């Protein structure tokens, strides 16, 4: 069984309903394509996380790649890189 990290993560039952609705991966079609880099379920979970939380800065996971801690702020007038 897969461990849920966030409340917005899909349950096994939800995933069983959603997975057949997703288009076939390009790498599995006759035209071919690059293999998917990330598992589809993780992408769906990430989308649901942003929709659920609005991706507020203070709710970003500490392991995210934004490069700053949630308590840090940017210098006045300078946007994040």
Protein backbone atom coordinates (compact mmCIF):
# COMPACT_ATOMS: atom_id res chain seq x y z
CA UNK A 1 0.00 0.00 0.00
CA UNK A 2 1.23 3.47 -0.91
CA UNK A 3 1.79 5.92 1.94
CA UNK A 4 -0.13 9.20 1.67
CA UNK A 5 2.02 12.25 2.41
CA UNK A 6 -0.69 14.92 2.26
CA UNK A 7 -4.42 14.97 2.84
CA UNK A 8 -4.89 15.92 -0.83
CA UNK A 9 -3.13 12.75 -2.10
CA UNK A 10 -5.32 10.33 -4.01
CA UNK A 11 -6.53 7.23 -2.24
CA UNK A 12 -6.23 3.85 -3.96
CA UNK A 13 -9.97 3.93 -4.72
CA UNK A 14 -9.76 7.44 -6.24
CA UNK A 15 -6.73 6.44 -8.31
CA UNK A 16 -8.54 3.37 -9.62
CA UNK A 17 -11.25 5.73 -10.92
CA UNK A 18 -8.90 8.40 -12.29
CA UNK A 19 -6.18 6.35 -13.97
CA UNK A 20 -8.33 4.98 -16.83
CA UNK A 21 -9.42 8.55 -17.68
CA UNK A 22 -5.86 9.71 -18.38
CA UNK A 23 -4.60 9.60 -21.98
CA UNK A 24 -2.27 6.81 -23.02
CA UNK A 25 1.42 7.69 -22.43
CA UNK A 26 3.10 8.87 -25.65
CA UNK A 27 5.86 6.29 -25.26
CA UNK A 28 3.24 3.54 -25.56
CA UNK A 29 1.63 4.83 -28.78
CA UNK A 30 2.59 3.94 -32.34
CA UNK A 31 4.14 7.40 -32.81
CA UNK A 32 6.41 6.80 -29.85
CA UNK A 33 7.70 9.33 -27.43
CA UNK A 34 9.90 9.90 -24.46
CA UNK A 35 9.17 7.77 -21.38
CA UNK A 36 7.46 9.68 -18.61
CA UNK A 37 9.91 11.09 -16.09
CA UNK A 38 7.51 11.19 -13.12
CA UNK A 39 4.79 8.74 -12.11
CA UNK A 40 1.34 9.95 -13.18
CA UNK A 41 -0.12 9.51 -9.75
CA UNK A 42 2.48 11.88 -8.25
CA UNK A 43 1.62 14.50 -10.88
CA UNK A 44 -2.10 14.18 -10.12
CA UNK A 45 -1.32 14.43 -6.39
CA UNK A 46 0.75 17.59 -6.99
CA UNK A 47 -2.07 19.20 -8.97
CA UNK A 48 -4.57 18.31 -6.24
CA UNK A 49 -2.21 19.74 -3.59
CA UNK A 50 -2.00 23.10 -5.38
CA UNK A 51 -5.77 23.20 -5.97
CA UNK A 52 -6.44 22.30 -2.32
CA UNK A 53 -3.95 24.68 -0.66
CA UNK A 54 -3.63 27.41 -3.26
CA UNK A 55 0.11 26.74 -2.85
CA UNK A 56 0.53 29.31 -0.11
CA UNK A 57 4.20 29.97 0.57
CA UNK A 58 3.95 28.83 4.19
CA UNK A 59 2.36 25.52 3.11
CA UNK A 60 5.10 24.57 0.64
CA UNK A 61 6.79 21.36 1.74
CA UNK A 62 10.23 21.93 3.28
CA UNK A 63 11.71 19.67 0.59
CA UNK A 64 10.41 21.81 -2.28
CA UNK A 65 12.92 23.34 -4.68
CA UNK A 66 12.11 26.99 -3.99
CA UNK A 67 15.44 27.31 -2.19
CA UNK A 68 14.27 29.29 0.82
CA UNK A 69 12.78 28.34 4.13
CA UNK A 70 9.15 29.22 4.68
CA UNK A 71 10.08 31.96 7.16
CA UNK A 72 12.51 33.67 4.80
CA UNK A 73 11.48 36.75 2.87
CA UNK A 74 12.85 38.42 -0.25
CA UNK A 75 14.59 41.80 -0.18
CA UNK A 76 12.21 44.67 -0.89
CA UNK A 77 11.58 45.14 -4.60
CA UNK A 78 13.40 41.99 -5.67
CA UNK A 79 11.34 39.04 -6.93
CA UNK A 80 12.46 35.48 -6.24
CA UNK A 81 14.70 33.93 -8.89
